[in-house]
Amino acid sequence: MRETCRLISKVLHNPYTVLLQGETGTGKEVVARAIHEYGPRRAQAFVVQNCAAFPENLLESELFGYRKGAFTGAERDRPGLFDAADGGTLLLDEIGDMPLSLQAKLLRVLQEGEIRPLGGNDTHKVDVRIIAATHRDLALLVRDGKFREDLYYRLAQFPIELPPLRQREGDALELARHFAERACVFLRRAPLGWSAEALELLDGYGFPGNVRELKGLVECAVLLCEGEMLLAEHFSLRAPPEAEAPLKLREHLEQIERDLLLACLRRNAGNQTLAARELGLPRRTLIYRMGRLNIHFGDPRT
């Protein structure tokens, strides 16, 4: 997170085009918004367009606008998002999904600073800072002929790679506390504490959905919490898809942990309090791990 903040500070007050790259949910829009809000364009519009959300013809009219009569139903002139963002910032999310024909028009905007509305004959100037974002490898798309090389180099004047949350040591808990504080303010309730088990649970989770998943989990937990402290039971973590984890190693480690817990429970005649004490774990953590490893109360006696 500190490295990302350092890179953001470098690009705030210069005109370079920023390319944000990272898995879905890593916070690319959050970073783009930070670049806008802490830069000289903060008083102007911040506009977001997902390039994968529209078919080619609709995306073109959405970005560039159109003139009356440009197509059936175009009964009046309509400005596009470049006009809406004039003086401010336009985030082009999922830029890797932009059709090649539109890529050429975007390149002209970057080079000349002017646009031509759909159905129009004249161009006009726009002053827009463009930030592009993608979860795809644009270099591979260039190699495969699916993305213009000249546009790629123009967009990637200042690339920022956003690593997945599972690779950012310590960030998950810091962000979790931040999201919990914001959720409490939004819900107008007193700040909540965190149990050691809840922190341990989040710290050991891989977050396949990255920051977006963490934010949703914390907001849901705050809603579920009826006391003064967030507990492990307030968080519903999903099992990662099989392709997202090294199966053999994970299964091997889980089997070792399962055997260890079963042996300890047998030694203590199924008494969870005594077993937790022997393992040096809070009883709630033991119960959570038993559930995760599918250990039922009858297992120790089998």
Protein backbone atom coordinates (compact mmCIF):
# COMPACT_ATOMS: atom_id res chain seq x y z
CA MET A 1 0.00 0.00 0.00
CA ARG A 2 2.83 2.39 0.82
CA GLU A 3 4.43 1.75 -2.58
CA THR A 4 1.13 2.47 -4.31
CA CYS A 5 0.76 5.72 -2.35
CA ARG A 6 4.30 6.69 -3.30
CA LEU A 7 3.55 6.15 -6.99
CA ILE A 8 0.31 8.13 -6.74
CA SER A 9 2.20 11.07 -5.23
CA LYS A 10 4.62 11.03 -8.17
CA VAL A 11 1.90 11.40 -10.78
CA LEU A 12 -0.53 13.81 -9.08
CA HIS A 13 0.83 17.03 -10.54
CA ASN A 14 2.10 15.92 -13.93
CA PRO A 15 0.11 15.34 -17.13
CA TYR A 16 1.23 11.76 -17.79
CA THR A 17 -1.42 9.21 -18.72
CA VAL A 18 -1.71 6.58 -15.98
CA LEU A 19 -2.35 2.89 -16.66
CA LEU A 20 -3.65 0.94 -13.65
CA GLN A 21 -3.18 -2.81 -13.92
CA GLY A 22 -4.33 -5.49 -11.50
CA GLU A 23 -6.80 -8.26 -10.82
CA THR A 24 -10.49 -7.50 -10.53
CA GLY A 25 -11.26 -5.92 -7.18
CA THR A 26 -7.76 -4.63 -6.39
CA GLY A 27 -8.96 -1.04 -6.07
CA LYS A 28 -8.14 0.46 -9.46
CA GLU A 29 -11.06 2.88 -9.37
CA VAL A 30 -10.14 3.88 -5.80
CA VAL A 31 -6.61 4.73 -6.96
CA ALA A 32 -7.90 6.64 -9.98
CA ARG A 33 -10.23 8.64 -7.76
CA ALA A 34 -7.36 9.41 -5.38
CA ILE A 35 -5.24 10.71 -8.28
CA HIS A 36 -8.13 12.98 -9.25
CA GLU A 37 -9.10 14.18 -5.78
CA TYR A 38 -5.57 15.00 -4.64
CA GLY A 39 -4.51 16.56 -7.94
CA PRO A 40 -5.11 19.98 -9.52
CA ARG A 41 -8.35 18.81 -11.23
CA ARG A 42 -10.12 17.97 -7.96
CA ALA A 43 -12.75 20.71 -8.40
CA GLN A 44 -13.84 19.32 -11.77
CA ALA A 45 -15.71 16.18 -12.79
CA PHE A 46 -14.47 12.62 -12.25
CA VAL A 47 -16.19 10.40 -14.83
CA VAL A 48 -16.00 6.60 -15.09
CA GLN A 49 -16.78 4.47 -18.15
CA ASN A 50 -16.46 0.69 -18.28
CA CYS A 51 -15.37 -0.13 -21.83
CA ALA A 52 -16.78 -3.66 -21.53
CA ALA A 53 -20.27 -2.46 -20.61
CA PHE A 54 -21.45 -1.37 -24.06
CA PRO A 55 -21.31 -2.74 -27.62
CA GLU A 56 -19.03 -0.84 -29.98
CA ASN A 57 -21.58 1.56 -31.50
CA LEU A 58 -23.07 2.52 -28.14
CA LEU A 59 -19.66 2.95 -26.52
CA GLU A 60 -18.61 5.36 -29.27
CA SER A 61 -21.68 7.56 -28.84
CA GLU A 62 -21.33 7.38 -25.05
CA LEU A 63 -17.73 8.59 -25.16
CA PHE A 64 -17.81 11.06 -28.04
CA GLY A 65 -21.44 12.14 -28.05
CA TYR A 66 -23.48 12.56 -31.23
CA ARG A 67 -25.15 15.12 -33.44
CA LYS A 68 -28.84 15.29 -34.26
CA GLY A 69 -29.66 12.82 -37.03
CA ALA A 70 -26.50 10.75 -36.55
CA PHE A 71 -28.67 7.62 -36.30
CA THR A 72 -32.29 6.63 -35.86
CA GLY A 73 -33.55 8.13 -32.64
CA ALA A 74 -30.88 10.86 -32.44
CA GLU A 75 -33.38 13.71 -32.22
CA ARG A 76 -30.99 16.23 -30.68
CA ASP A 77 -27.30 16.84 -30.07
CA ARG A 78 -25.93 14.97 -27.08
CA PRO A 79 -22.50 15.57 -25.51
CA GLY A 80 -20.39 12.56 -24.61
CA LEU A 81 -18.32 11.64 -21.59
CA PHE A 82 -15.24 13.43 -22.91
CA ASP A 83 -17.28 16.64 -22.81
CA ALA A 84 -18.68 15.76 -19.38
CA ALA A 85 -15.13 15.29 -18.08
CA ASP A 86 -13.75 18.44 -19.71
CA GLY A 87 -11.35 20.03 -17.24
CA GLY A 88 -11.46 16.91 -15.07
CA THR A 89 -10.62 13.22 -15.25
CA LEU A 90 -12.03 10.33 -17.29
CA LEU A 91 -11.37 6.79 -16.08
CA LEU A 92 -11.60 4.25 -18.89
CA ASP A 93 -12.05 0.99 -17.00
CA GLU A 94 -11.44 -2.37 -18.72
CA ILE A 95 -9.59 -0.60 -21.51
CA GLY A 96 -8.43 -3.99 -22.80
CA ASP A 97 -12.00 -4.65 -23.99
CA MET A 98 -12.20 -1.52 -26.14
CA PRO A 99 -12.78 -2.41 -29.84
CA LEU A 100 -9.86 -1.73 -32.19
CA SER A 101 -11.82 0.83 -34.20
CA LEU A 102 -12.42 2.92 -31.09
CA GLN A 103 -8.81 2.53 -30.00
CA ALA A 104 -7.77 4.57 -33.05
CA LYS A 105 -10.17 7.36 -32.06
CA LEU A 106 -8.94 7.31 -28.46
CA LEU A 107 -5.37 7.60 -29.70
CA ARG A 108 -6.34 10.76 -31.59
CA VAL A 109 -7.81 12.25 -28.41
CA LEU A 110 -4.57 11.53 -26.56
CA GLN A 111 -2.41 12.96 -29.32
CA GLU A 112 -4.47 15.95 -30.46
CA GLY A 113 -6.71 16.68 -27.47
CA GLU A 114 -9.78 16.90 -29.68
CA ILE A 115 -12.88 14.82 -30.41
CA ARG A 116 -15.44 14.51 -33.20
CA PRO A 117 -18.98 13.58 -32.12
CA LEU A 118 -20.72 10.78 -33.97
CA GLY A 119 -22.39 12.22 -37.07
CA GLY A 120 -20.47 15.48 -36.78
CA ASN A 121 -18.16 17.12 -39.32
CA ASP A 122 -16.11 19.29 -36.98
CA THR A 123 -13.79 18.51 -34.10
CA HIS A 124 -13.48 20.45 -30.87
CA LYS A 125 -10.88 20.57 -28.12
CA VAL A 126 -11.28 18.88 -24.75
CA ASP A 127 -9.01 19.12 -21.72
CA VAL A 128 -9.33 15.74 -20.04
CA ARG A 129 -6.91 13.70 -17.97
CA ILE A 130 -7.33 10.08 -19.05
CA ILE A 131 -6.64 7.23 -16.66
CA ALA A 132 -6.94 3.71 -18.05
CA ALA A 133 -7.47 0.55 -16.02
CA THR A 134 -7.48 -3.14 -16.87
CA HIS A 135 -7.24 -6.60 -15.35
CA ARG A 136 -5.84 -7.96 -18.62
CA ASP A 137 -2.25 -8.12 -19.85
CA LEU A 138 -2.21 -5.44 -22.54
CA ALA A 139 1.24 -6.48 -23.75
CA LEU A 140 -0.15 -9.92 -24.61
CA LEU A 141 -3.13 -8.32 -26.35
CA VAL A 142 -0.71 -6.22 -28.40
CA ARG A 143 1.22 -9.34 -29.35
CA ASP A 144 -2.01 -11.07 -30.41
CA GLY A 145 -3.12 -8.09 -32.49
CA LYS A 146 -6.08 -7.28 -30.21
CA PHE A 147 -4.74 -3.98 -28.90
CA ARG A 148 -2.93 -1.19 -30.74
CA GLU A 149 0.74 -1.00 -29.88
CA ASP A 150 0.89 2.79 -30.31
CA LEU A 151 -2.07 3.25 -27.98
CA TYR A 152 -0.55 0.88 -25.42
CA TYR A 153 2.65 2.92 -25.17
CA ARG A 154 0.66 6.15 -25.06
CA LEU A 155 -1.50 4.89 -22.20
CA ALA A 156 1.36 3.33 -20.26
CA GLN A 157 3.37 6.52 -19.76
CA PHE A 158 3.07 5.90 -16.03
CA PRO A 159 1.98 2.32 -15.23
CA ILE A 160 0.93 1.38 -11.70
CA GLU A 161 0.63 -2.32 -10.88
CA LEU A 162 -1.83 -3.07 -8.08
CA PRO A 163 -0.95 -6.42 -6.50
CA PRO A 164 -3.72 -8.72 -5.27
CA LEU A 165 -4.60 -8.42 -1.60
CA ARG A 166 -3.17 -11.87 -0.82
CA GLN A 167 0.30 -10.54 -1.72
CA ARG A 168 0.05 -7.38 0.40
CA GLU A 169 1.20 -8.40 3.85
CA GLY A 170 -0.67 -6.61 6.62
CA ASP A 171 -2.89 -4.61 4.26
CA ALA A 172 -5.97 -6.78 4.74
CA LEU A 173 -6.29 -6.04 8.46
CA GLU A 174 -5.50 -2.35 8.02
CA LEU A 175 -8.12 -2.04 5.30
CA ALA A 176 -10.62 -4.10 7.30
CA ARG A 177 -10.38 -1.68 10.22
CA HIS A 178 -10.77 1.25 7.83
CA PHE A 179 -13.86 -0.23 6.17
CA ALA A 180 -15.38 -1.06 9.56
CA GLU A 181 -14.90 2.53 10.75
CA ARG A 182 -16.53 3.89 7.60
CA ALA A 183 -19.43 1.45 7.89
CA CYS A 184 -20.02 2.47 11.51
CA VAL A 185 -20.07 6.14 10.54
CA PHE A 186 -22.50 5.40 7.71
CA LEU A 187 -24.78 3.41 10.02
CA ARG A 188 -24.43 6.02 12.78
CA ARG A 189 -23.29 3.53 15.37
CA ALA A 190 -20.38 3.53 17.82
CA PRO A 191 -17.04 2.16 16.59
CA LEU A 192 -16.66 -1.60 16.96
CA GLY A 193 -13.79 -3.56 18.43
CA TRP A 194 -12.22 -6.63 16.86
CA SER A 195 -11.84 -10.06 18.43
CA ALA A 196 -8.52 -11.85 18.00
CA GLU A 197 -10.36 -14.69 16.24
CA ALA A 198 -11.89 -12.34 13.66
CA LEU A 199 -8.51 -10.78 12.90
CA GLU A 200 -6.89 -14.21 12.66
CA LEU A 201 -9.64 -15.36 10.32
CA LEU A 202 -9.19 -12.44 7.93
CA ASP A 203 -5.41 -12.59 8.13
CA GLY A 204 -5.43 -16.20 6.93
CA TYR A 205 -7.90 -15.73 4.09
CA GLY A 206 -6.78 -15.43 0.45
CA PHE A 207 -9.40 -12.88 -0.71
CA PRO A 208 -9.93 -14.06 -4.29
CA GLY A 209 -12.17 -11.01 -4.76
CA ASN A 210 -9.45 -8.71 -3.41
CA VAL A 211 -10.29 -5.34 -1.81
CA ARG A 212 -13.82 -5.36 -3.17
CA GLU A 213 -14.54 -8.66 -1.43
CA LEU A 214 -12.96 -7.48 1.82
CA LYS A 215 -15.05 -4.31 1.82
CA GLY A 216 -18.26 -6.27 1.29
CA LEU A 217 -17.38 -8.80 4.00
CA VAL A 218 -16.63 -6.10 6.56
CA GLU A 219 -19.75 -4.06 5.77
CA CYS A 220 -21.89 -7.18 6.11
CA ALA A 221 -20.18 -8.11 9.39
CA VAL A 222 -20.88 -4.65 10.82
CA LEU A 223 -24.55 -5.07 9.94
CA LEU A 224 -24.67 -8.52 11.57
CA CYS A 225 -22.87 -7.43 14.73
CA GLU A 226 -25.32 -6.74 17.55
CA GLY A 227 -22.69 -6.24 20.25
CA GLU A 228 -19.63 -4.05 20.59
CA MET A 229 -17.09 -6.37 18.94
CA LEU A 230 -16.73 -8.02 15.54
CA LEU A 231 -16.40 -11.79 15.91
CA ALA A 232 -15.28 -14.52 13.52
CA GLU A 233 -18.86 -15.73 13.24
CA HIS A 234 -19.85 -12.42 11.61
CA PHE A 235 -17.73 -13.17 8.54
CA SER A 236 -18.91 -15.59 5.85
CA LEU A 237 -15.79 -16.47 3.85
CA ARG A 238 -16.18 -18.41 0.64
CA ALA A 239 -13.95 -21.29 -0.35
CA PRO A 240 -11.69 -20.25 -3.25
CA PRO A 241 -12.25 -21.88 -6.64
CA GLU A 242 -10.11 -24.96 -7.07
CA ALA A 243 -8.02 -23.32 -9.77
CA GLU A 244 -7.01 -20.48 -7.46
CA ALA A 245 -5.06 -22.54 -4.94
CA PRO A 246 -2.26 -25.11 -5.10
CA LEU A 247 -4.45 -28.15 -4.48
CA LYS A 248 -1.91 -30.72 -3.37
CA LEU A 249 -0.17 -28.49 -0.84
CA ARG A 250 -3.40 -27.04 0.52
CA GLU A 251 -5.10 -30.41 0.88
CA HIS A 252 -2.00 -31.89 2.50
CA LEU A 253 -1.81 -29.09 5.08
CA GLU A 254 -5.53 -29.32 5.80
CA GLN A 255 -5.25 -33.06 6.35
CA ILE A 256 -2.36 -32.54 8.77
CA GLU A 257 -4.37 -29.94 10.70
CA ARG A 258 -7.45 -32.18 10.71
CA ASP A 259 -5.49 -35.15 12.05
CA LEU A 260 -3.92 -32.94 14.74
CA LEU A 261 -7.28 -31.61 15.91
CA LEU A 262 -8.90 -35.05 15.89
CA ALA A 263 -6.04 -36.54 17.93
CA CYS A 264 -6.27 -33.74 20.48
CA LEU A 265 -10.05 -34.09 20.75
CA ARG A 266 -9.71 -37.84 21.29
CA ARG A 267 -7.18 -37.31 24.06
CA ASN A 268 -9.62 -34.98 25.76
CA ALA A 269 -12.69 -37.19 25.23
CA GLY A 270 -14.23 -34.66 22.85
CA ASN A 271 -14.08 -31.82 25.40
CA GLN A 272 -13.52 -28.72 23.26
CA THR A 273 -12.50 -26.48 26.14
CA LEU A 274 -9.73 -28.87 27.23
CA ALA A 275 -8.64 -29.47 23.63
CA ALA A 276 -8.44 -25.74 22.93
CA ARG A 277 -6.39 -25.24 26.09
CA GLU A 278 -3.95 -27.98 25.05
CA LEU A 279 -3.59 -26.49 21.57
CA GLY A 280 -3.15 -22.96 22.93
CA LEU A 281 -6.17 -21.71 20.99
CA PRO A 282 -9.27 -19.78 22.02
CA ARG A 283 -12.22 -22.18 22.14
CA ARG A 284 -14.05 -20.16 19.47
CA THR A 285 -11.10 -20.55 17.10
CA LEU A 286 -11.08 -24.31 17.66
CA ILE A 287 -14.80 -24.51 16.88
CA TYR A 288 -14.29 -22.44 13.72
CA ARG A 289 -11.44 -24.68 12.53
CA MET A 290 -13.48 -27.80 13.27
CA GLY A 291 -16.25 -26.45 11.08
CA ARG A 292 -13.85 -25.47 8.29
CA LEU A 293 -12.27 -28.94 8.29
CA ASN A 294 -15.64 -30.70 8.53
CA ILE A 295 -14.93 -32.20 11.95
CA HIS A 296 -18.17 -33.21 13.64
CA PHE A 297 -18.74 -33.94 17.28
CA GLY A 298 -18.89 -37.66 16.57
CA ASP A 299 -15.54 -37.80 14.75
CA PRO A 300 -13.27 -38.07 17.81
CA ARG A 301 -14.95 -41.29 18.81
CA THR A 302 -14.58 -42.94 15.39
